[in-house]
Amino acid sequence: MKIAKSSARKKETREKILAAGSRLLKRQGIKAASVADVMGEAGLTVGGFYAHFDSKENLVSETFCYALQESSRYMLGSLPQRLNGIGKLKAFFRTYLSPQHRDCDKDGQGCPLAALAGEMGKGSASLQKVFTAELEKMAADCAQHFSDRGFTVTPKEFLTMMSTAIGGLTLARATRGTVLSDQILQSCFKQLVTFSQEKEEINK
């Protein structure tokens, strides 16, 4: 019984660290966020870090996986179930390319792909391998989710659309506070709607 409680407590603490790491890395970036910062964000002391992770790179790797899975689960779960595949796809990108999503990075929220892709790409081969694997898994899961009621999208097609959305969100954040920022969001969304409708026509 004591072992089970200890194991459950350790798992709970680990989840707390990952959640804190997710917020901090998206808010400050990988390089700027230290292990001490992450543990402080979680309300824990640095001394307990190595009971859960081998290194900062290990923390970053697992935090990215956690953040992407949580973000995907939340965004897909919040879509109206009454919509068909193309309807859900449009609703997803409408939310993704919204001013609210653009600005939530200040609070350490939002998609980790837009927040961390640049730094993950400059990281070690190990980090790049993790990023690639998680990206492919996310694309496959989302493609399956949106392929519904006569509408189909492949993982490669979804990844192409996400590339447009991530690029648009990144540029909109870089130009935040300007008219151009809103225009970028709107333009990218319209482009993705056009692509989705072309896909729908092909599927008929």
C-alpha atoms as a PDB file:
ATOM      1  CA  MET A   1       0.000   0.000   0.000  1.00  0.00           C
ATOM      2  CA  LYS A   2       2.809   2.438   0.922  1.00  0.00           C
ATOM      3  CA  ILE A   3       4.635   1.634  -2.335  1.00  0.00           C
ATOM      4  CA  ALA A   4       1.466   2.309  -4.346  1.00  0.00           C
ATOM      5  CA  LYS A   5       0.922   5.636  -2.587  1.00  0.00           C
ATOM      6  CA  SER A   6       4.550   6.619  -3.124  1.00  0.00           C
ATOM      7  CA  SER A   7       4.329   5.709  -6.824  1.00  0.00           C
ATOM      8  CA  ALA A   8       1.110   7.698  -7.235  1.00  0.00           C
ATOM      9  CA  ARG A   9       2.647  10.697  -5.463  1.00  0.00           C
ATOM     10  CA  LYS A  10       5.726  10.541  -7.680  1.00  0.00           C
ATOM     11  CA  LYS A  11       3.554  10.390 -10.797  1.00  0.00           C
ATOM     12  CA  GLU A  12       1.512  13.353  -9.571  1.00  0.00           C
ATOM     13  CA  THR A  13       4.672  15.377  -8.901  1.00  0.00           C
ATOM     14  CA  ARG A  14       6.059  14.505 -12.328  1.00  0.00           C
ATOM     15  CA  GLU A  15       2.821  15.673 -13.987  1.00  0.00           C
ATOM     16  CA  LYS A  16       3.062  18.905 -11.994  1.00  0.00           C
ATOM     17  CA  ILE A  17       6.607  19.488 -13.266  1.00  0.00           C
ATOM     18  CA  LEU A  18       5.606  18.737 -16.875  1.00  0.00           C
ATOM     19  CA  ALA A  19       2.648  21.116 -16.677  1.00  0.00           C
ATOM     20  CA  ALA A  20       4.858  23.835 -15.205  1.00  0.00           C
ATOM     21  CA  GLY A  21       7.528  23.154 -17.828  1.00  0.00           C
ATOM     22  CA  SER A  22       4.935  23.398 -20.575  1.00  0.00           C
ATOM     23  CA  ARG A  23       3.805  26.834 -19.398  1.00  0.00           C
ATOM     24  CA  LEU A  24       7.303  28.155 -18.834  1.00  0.00           C
ATOM     25  CA  LEU A  25       8.884  26.871 -22.042  1.00  0.00           C
ATOM     26  CA  LYS A  26       6.052  28.304 -24.144  1.00  0.00           C
ATOM     27  CA  ARG A  27       6.286  31.609 -22.273  1.00  0.00           C
ATOM     28  CA  GLN A  28      10.072  32.036 -22.131  1.00  0.00           C
ATOM     29  CA  GLY A  29      11.535  29.577 -24.617  1.00  0.00           C
ATOM     30  CA  ILE A  30      13.753  26.551 -24.059  1.00  0.00           C
ATOM     31  CA  LYS A  31      17.071  28.345 -23.633  1.00  0.00           C
ATOM     32  CA  ALA A  32      15.778  31.002 -21.259  1.00  0.00           C
ATOM     33  CA  ALA A  33      13.913  28.621 -18.943  1.00  0.00           C
ATOM     34  CA  SER A  34      16.271  26.957 -16.453  1.00  0.00           C
ATOM     35  CA  VAL A  35      15.626  23.830 -14.407  1.00  0.00           C
ATOM     36  CA  ALA A  36      15.343  26.060 -11.333  1.00  0.00           C
ATOM     37  CA  ASP A  37      12.737  28.187 -13.117  1.00  0.00           C
ATOM     38  CA  VAL A  38      10.653  25.151 -14.028  1.00  0.00           C
ATOM     39  CA  MET A  39      10.795  23.706 -10.512  1.00  0.00           C
ATOM     40  CA  GLY A  40       9.930  27.115  -9.077  1.00  0.00           C
ATOM     41  CA  GLU A  41       6.966  27.366 -11.459  1.00  0.00           C
ATOM     42  CA  ALA A  42       5.827  23.979 -10.154  1.00  0.00           C
ATOM     43  CA  GLY A  43       6.228  25.146  -6.548  1.00  0.00           C
ATOM     44  CA  LEU A  44       9.014  22.630  -5.913  1.00  0.00           C
ATOM     45  CA  THR A  45      12.686  22.773  -4.959  1.00  0.00           C
ATOM     46  CA  VAL A  46      15.484  22.075  -7.435  1.00  0.00           C
ATOM     47  CA  GLY A  47      16.732  19.234  -5.273  1.00  0.00           C
ATOM     48  CA  GLY A  48      13.863  16.999  -6.315  1.00  0.00           C
ATOM     49  CA  PHE A  49      14.424  17.427 -10.050  1.00  0.00           C
ATOM     50  CA  TYR A  50      16.724  14.431 -10.599  1.00  0.00           C
ATOM     51  CA  ALA A  51      14.239  12.067  -9.012  1.00  0.00           C
ATOM     52  CA  HIS A  52      12.176  12.571 -12.178  1.00  0.00           C
ATOM     53  CA  PHE A  53      14.510  13.627 -15.007  1.00  0.00           C
ATOM     54  CA  ASP A  54      18.117  12.899 -15.990  1.00  0.00           C
ATOM     55  CA  SER A  55      18.879  16.321 -17.471  1.00  0.00           C
ATOM     56  CA  LYS A  56      17.360  19.519 -18.800  1.00  0.00           C
ATOM     57  CA  GLU A  57      17.270  17.954 -22.276  1.00  0.00           C
ATOM     58  CA  ASN A  58      15.285  15.035 -20.885  1.00  0.00           C
ATOM     59  CA  LEU A  59      12.903  17.541 -19.270  1.00  0.00           C
ATOM     60  CA  VAL A  60      12.524  19.508 -22.512  1.00  0.00           C
ATOM     61  CA  SER A  61      11.892  16.347 -24.513  1.00  0.00           C
ATOM     62  CA  GLU A  62       9.208  15.021 -22.188  1.00  0.00           C
ATOM     63  CA  THR A  63       7.682  18.443 -21.640  1.00  0.00           C
ATOM     64  CA  PHE A  64       7.290  18.954 -25.388  1.00  0.00           C
ATOM     65  CA  CYS A  65       5.549  15.576 -25.761  1.00  0.00           C
ATOM     66  CA  TYR A  66       3.286  16.380 -22.822  1.00  0.00           C
ATOM     67  CA  ALA A  67       2.483  19.875 -24.111  1.00  0.00           C
ATOM     68  CA  LEU A  68       1.671  18.725 -27.643  1.00  0.00           C
ATOM     69  CA  GLN A  69      -0.550  15.878 -26.457  1.00  0.00           C
ATOM     70  CA  GLU A  70      -2.410  18.131 -24.009  1.00  0.00           C
ATOM     71  CA  SER A  71      -2.829  20.891 -26.583  1.00  0.00           C
ATOM     72  CA  SER A  72      -4.145  18.472 -29.224  1.00  0.00           C
ATOM     73  CA  ARG A  73      -6.502  16.810 -26.740  1.00  0.00           C
ATOM     74  CA  TYR A  74      -7.924  20.168 -25.663  1.00  0.00           C
ATOM     75  CA  MET A  75      -8.336  21.670 -29.122  1.00  0.00           C
ATOM     76  CA  LEU A  76      -9.868  18.549 -30.672  1.00  0.00           C
ATOM     77  CA  GLY A  77     -12.052  17.903 -27.638  1.00  0.00           C
ATOM     78  CA  SER A  78     -13.496  21.408 -27.714  1.00  0.00           C
ATOM     79  CA  LEU A  79     -14.773  21.091 -31.303  1.00  0.00           C
ATOM     80  CA  PRO A  80     -18.574  20.755 -31.689  1.00  0.00           C
ATOM     81  CA  GLN A  81     -19.300  17.058 -32.256  1.00  0.00           C
ATOM     82  CA  ARG A  82     -22.342  17.866 -34.414  1.00  0.00           C
ATOM     83  CA  LEU A  83     -20.050  19.077 -37.205  1.00  0.00           C
ATOM     84  CA  ASN A  84     -18.858  16.770 -39.976  1.00  0.00           C
ATOM     85  CA  GLY A  85     -15.192  16.336 -40.888  1.00  0.00           C
ATOM     86  CA  ILE A  86     -14.737  19.493 -42.946  1.00  0.00           C
ATOM     87  CA  GLY A  87     -16.813  21.486 -40.457  1.00  0.00           C
ATOM     88  CA  LYS A  88     -14.579  20.389 -37.580  1.00  0.00           C
ATOM     89  CA  LEU A  89     -11.467  21.130 -39.641  1.00  0.00           C
ATOM     90  CA  LYS A  90     -12.622  24.689 -40.350  1.00  0.00           C
ATOM     91  CA  ALA A  91     -13.576  25.212 -36.711  1.00  0.00           C
ATOM     92  CA  PHE A  92     -10.162  23.938 -35.619  1.00  0.00           C
ATOM     93  CA  PHE A  93      -8.276  26.383 -37.812  1.00  0.00           C
ATOM     94  CA  ARG A  94     -10.647  29.231 -36.949  1.00  0.00           C
ATOM     95  CA  THR A  95      -9.649  28.739 -33.316  1.00  0.00           C
ATOM     96  CA  TYR A  96      -5.986  28.162 -34.114  1.00  0.00           C
ATOM     97  CA  LEU A  97      -5.746  31.355 -36.181  1.00  0.00           C
ATOM     98  CA  SER A  98      -7.695  33.518 -33.764  1.00  0.00           C
ATOM     99  CA  PRO A  99      -6.476  36.631 -31.924  1.00  0.00           C
ATOM    100  CA  GLN A 100      -7.095  34.759 -28.651  1.00  0.00           C
ATOM    101  CA  HIS A 101      -4.718  31.946 -29.594  1.00  0.00           C
ATOM    102  CA  ARG A 102      -2.193  34.448 -30.912  1.00  0.00           C
ATOM    103  CA  ASP A 103      -2.093  36.270 -27.575  1.00  0.00           C
ATOM    104  CA  CYS A 104      -2.351  33.371 -25.103  1.00  0.00           C
ATOM    105  CA  ASP A 105       1.385  32.622 -25.415  1.00  0.00           C
ATOM    106  CA  LYS A 106       1.995  35.418 -22.912  1.00  0.00           C
ATOM    107  CA  ASP A 107       0.440  33.159 -20.287  1.00  0.00           C
ATOM    108  CA  GLY A 108       2.315  30.070 -21.435  1.00  0.00           C
ATOM    109  CA  GLN A 109      -0.718  28.658 -23.196  1.00  0.00           C
ATOM    110  CA  GLY A 110      -1.422  27.589 -26.780  1.00  0.00           C
ATOM    111  CA  CYS A 111       0.220  25.317 -29.321  1.00  0.00           C
ATOM    112  CA  PRO A 112       3.774  24.212 -28.458  1.00  0.00           C
ATOM    113  CA  LEU A 113       4.613  23.753 -32.142  1.00  0.00           C
ATOM    114  CA  ALA A 114       4.404  27.474 -32.819  1.00  0.00           C
ATOM    115  CA  ALA A 115       6.182  28.309 -29.563  1.00  0.00           C
ATOM    116  CA  LEU A 116       9.023  25.771 -29.626  1.00  0.00           C
ATOM    117  CA  ALA A 117       9.595  24.453 -33.163  1.00  0.00           C
ATOM    118  CA  GLY A 118      12.433  26.892 -33.900  1.00  0.00           C
ATOM    119  CA  GLU A 119      14.415  25.985 -30.797  1.00  0.00           C
ATOM    120  CA  MET A 120      13.686  22.268 -31.056  1.00  0.00           C
ATOM    121  CA  GLY A 121      15.049  22.371 -34.604  1.00  0.00           C
ATOM    122  CA  LYS A 122      18.296  23.889 -33.329  1.00  0.00           C
ATOM    123  CA  GLY A 123      18.609  21.348 -30.540  1.00  0.00           C
ATOM    124  CA  SER A 124      20.413  18.038 -30.396  1.00  0.00           C
ATOM    125  CA  ALA A 125      19.747  15.148 -32.760  1.00  0.00           C
ATOM    126  CA  SER A 126      17.863  13.486 -29.918  1.00  0.00           C
ATOM    127  CA  LEU A 127      15.507  16.448 -29.490  1.00  0.00           C
ATOM    128  CA  GLN A 128      14.944  16.664 -33.242  1.00  0.00           C
ATOM    129  CA  LYS A 129      14.097  12.960 -33.314  1.00  0.00           C
ATOM    130  CA  VAL A 130      11.516  13.408 -30.553  1.00  0.00           C
ATOM    131  CA  PHE A 131      10.049  16.456 -32.302  1.00  0.00           C
ATOM    132  CA  THR A 132       9.745  14.579 -35.605  1.00  0.00           C
ATOM    133  CA  ALA A 133       8.120  11.536 -34.026  1.00  0.00           C
ATOM    134  CA  GLU A 134       5.580  13.602 -32.091  1.00  0.00           C
ATOM    135  CA  LEU A 135       4.790  15.731 -35.130  1.00  0.00           C
ATOM    136  CA  GLU A 136       4.099  12.648 -37.241  1.00  0.00           C
ATOM    137  CA  LYS A 137       1.928  11.126 -34.511  1.00  0.00           C
ATOM    138  CA  MET A 138      -0.050  14.345 -34.119  1.00  0.00           C
ATOM    139  CA  ALA A 139      -0.612  14.578 -37.888  1.00  0.00           C
ATOM    140  CA  ALA A 140      -1.818  10.967 -38.054  1.00  0.00           C
ATOM    141  CA  ASP A 141      -4.181  11.374 -35.080  1.00  0.00           C
ATOM    142  CA  CYS A 142      -5.632  14.648 -36.391  1.00  0.00           C
ATOM    143  CA  ALA A 143      -6.043  13.322 -39.934  1.00  0.00           C
ATOM    144  CA  GLN A 144      -8.032  10.417 -38.525  1.00  0.00           C
ATOM    145  CA  HIS A 145     -10.108  12.771 -36.366  1.00  0.00           C
ATOM    146  CA  PHE A 146     -11.065  15.017 -39.285  1.00  0.00           C
ATOM    147  CA  SER A 147     -11.701  12.192 -41.752  1.00  0.00           C
ATOM    148  CA  ASP A 148     -15.382  11.887 -41.011  1.00  0.00           C
ATOM    149  CA  ARG A 149     -18.711  11.547 -42.825  1.00  0.00           C
ATOM    150  CA  GLY A 150     -17.407  11.386 -46.364  1.00  0.00           C
ATOM    151  CA  PHE A 151     -14.542  13.843 -45.872  1.00  0.00           C
ATOM    152  CA  THR A 152     -10.975  12.548 -45.742  1.00  0.00           C
ATOM    153  CA  VAL A 153      -7.624  14.181 -45.114  1.00  0.00           C
ATOM    154  CA  THR A 154      -4.258  12.408 -45.042  1.00  0.00           C
ATOM    155  CA  PRO A 155      -1.552  13.016 -42.424  1.00  0.00           C
ATOM    156  CA  LYS A 156       0.603  14.657 -45.116  1.00  0.00           C
ATOM    157  CA  GLU A 157      -2.232  17.000 -46.107  1.00  0.00           C
ATOM    158  CA  PHE A 158      -2.970  17.901 -42.507  1.00  0.00           C
ATOM    159  CA  LEU A 159       0.717  18.613 -41.901  1.00  0.00           C
ATOM    160  CA  THR A 160       0.738  20.908 -44.939  1.00  0.00           C
ATOM    161  CA  MET A 161      -2.235  22.814 -43.542  1.00  0.00           C
ATOM    162  CA  MET A 162      -0.649  22.970 -40.086  1.00  0.00           C
ATOM    163  CA  SER A 163       2.522  24.403 -41.618  1.00  0.00           C
ATOM    164  CA  THR A 164       0.466  27.266 -43.029  1.00  0.00           C
ATOM    165  CA  ALA A 165      -1.314  27.760 -39.704  1.00  0.00           C
ATOM    166  CA  ILE A 166       1.880  27.647 -37.608  1.00  0.00           C
ATOM    167  CA  GLY A 167       3.672  30.024 -39.957  1.00  0.00           C
ATOM    168  CA  GLY A 168       0.718  32.409 -39.900  1.00  0.00           C
ATOM    169  CA  LEU A 169       0.442  32.292 -36.109  1.00  0.00           C
ATOM    170  CA  THR A 170       4.179  32.885 -35.705  1.00  0.00           C
ATOM    171  CA  LEU A 171       4.148  35.917 -38.014  1.00  0.00           C
ATOM    172  CA  ALA A 172       0.982  37.256 -36.369  1.00  0.00           C
ATOM    173  CA  ARG A 173       2.686  37.071 -32.981  1.00  0.00           C
ATOM    174  CA  ALA A 174       5.770  38.796 -34.347  1.00  0.00           C
ATOM    175  CA  THR A 175       3.611  41.675 -35.642  1.00  0.00           C
ATOM    176  CA  ARG A 176       1.230  41.718 -32.663  1.00  0.00           C
ATOM    177  CA  GLY A 177      -0.510  45.049 -32.094  1.00  0.00           C
ATOM    178  CA  THR A 178      -0.651  45.949 -35.784  1.00  0.00           C
ATOM    179  CA  VAL A 179      -3.320  45.694 -38.461  1.00  0.00           C
ATOM    180  CA  LEU A 180      -1.009  43.371 -40.373  1.00  0.00           C
ATOM    181  CA  SER A 181      -1.132  40.829 -37.545  1.00  0.00           C
ATOM    182  CA  ASP A 182      -4.903  40.436 -37.853  1.00  0.00           C
ATOM    183  CA  GLN A 183      -4.657  40.366 -41.635  1.00  0.00           C
ATOM    184  CA  ILE A 184      -2.163  37.504 -41.515  1.00  0.00           C
ATOM    185  CA  LEU A 185      -4.515  35.445 -39.340  1.00  0.00           C
ATOM    186  CA  GLN A 186      -7.477  36.114 -41.624  1.00  0.00           C
ATOM    187  CA  SER A 187      -5.548  35.461 -44.826  1.00  0.00           C
ATOM    188  CA  CYS A 188      -4.128  32.140 -43.624  1.00  0.00           C
ATOM    189  CA  PHE A 189      -7.532  31.006 -42.422  1.00  0.00           C
ATOM    190  CA  LYS A 190      -9.126  31.821 -45.784  1.00  0.00           C
ATOM    191  CA  GLN A 191      -6.367  29.902 -47.565  1.00  0.00           C
ATOM    192  CA  LEU A 192      -6.973  26.857 -45.385  1.00  0.00           C
ATOM    193  CA  VAL A 193     -10.731  27.038 -45.939  1.00  0.00           C
ATOM    194  CA  THR A 194     -10.135  27.116 -49.690  1.00  0.00           C
ATOM    195  CA  PHE A 195      -7.865  24.072 -49.450  1.00  0.00           C
ATOM    196  CA  SER A 196     -10.451  22.237 -47.327  1.00  0.00           C
ATOM    197  CA  GLN A 197     -13.240  22.964 -49.798  1.00  0.00           C
ATOM    198  CA  GLU A 198     -11.112  21.767 -52.694  1.00  0.00           C
ATOM    199  CA  LYS A 199     -10.515  18.566 -50.749  1.00  0.00           C
ATOM    200  CA  GLU A 200     -14.246  18.191 -50.177  1.00  0.00           C
ATOM    201  CA  GLU A 201     -14.925  18.518 -53.906  1.00  0.00           C
ATOM    202  CA  ILE A 202     -12.335  15.845 -54.664  1.00  0.00           C
ATOM    203  CA  ASN A 203     -13.917  13.515 -52.123  1.00  0.00           C
ATOM    204  CA  LYS A 204     -17.351  13.769 -53.709  1.00  0.00           C
END
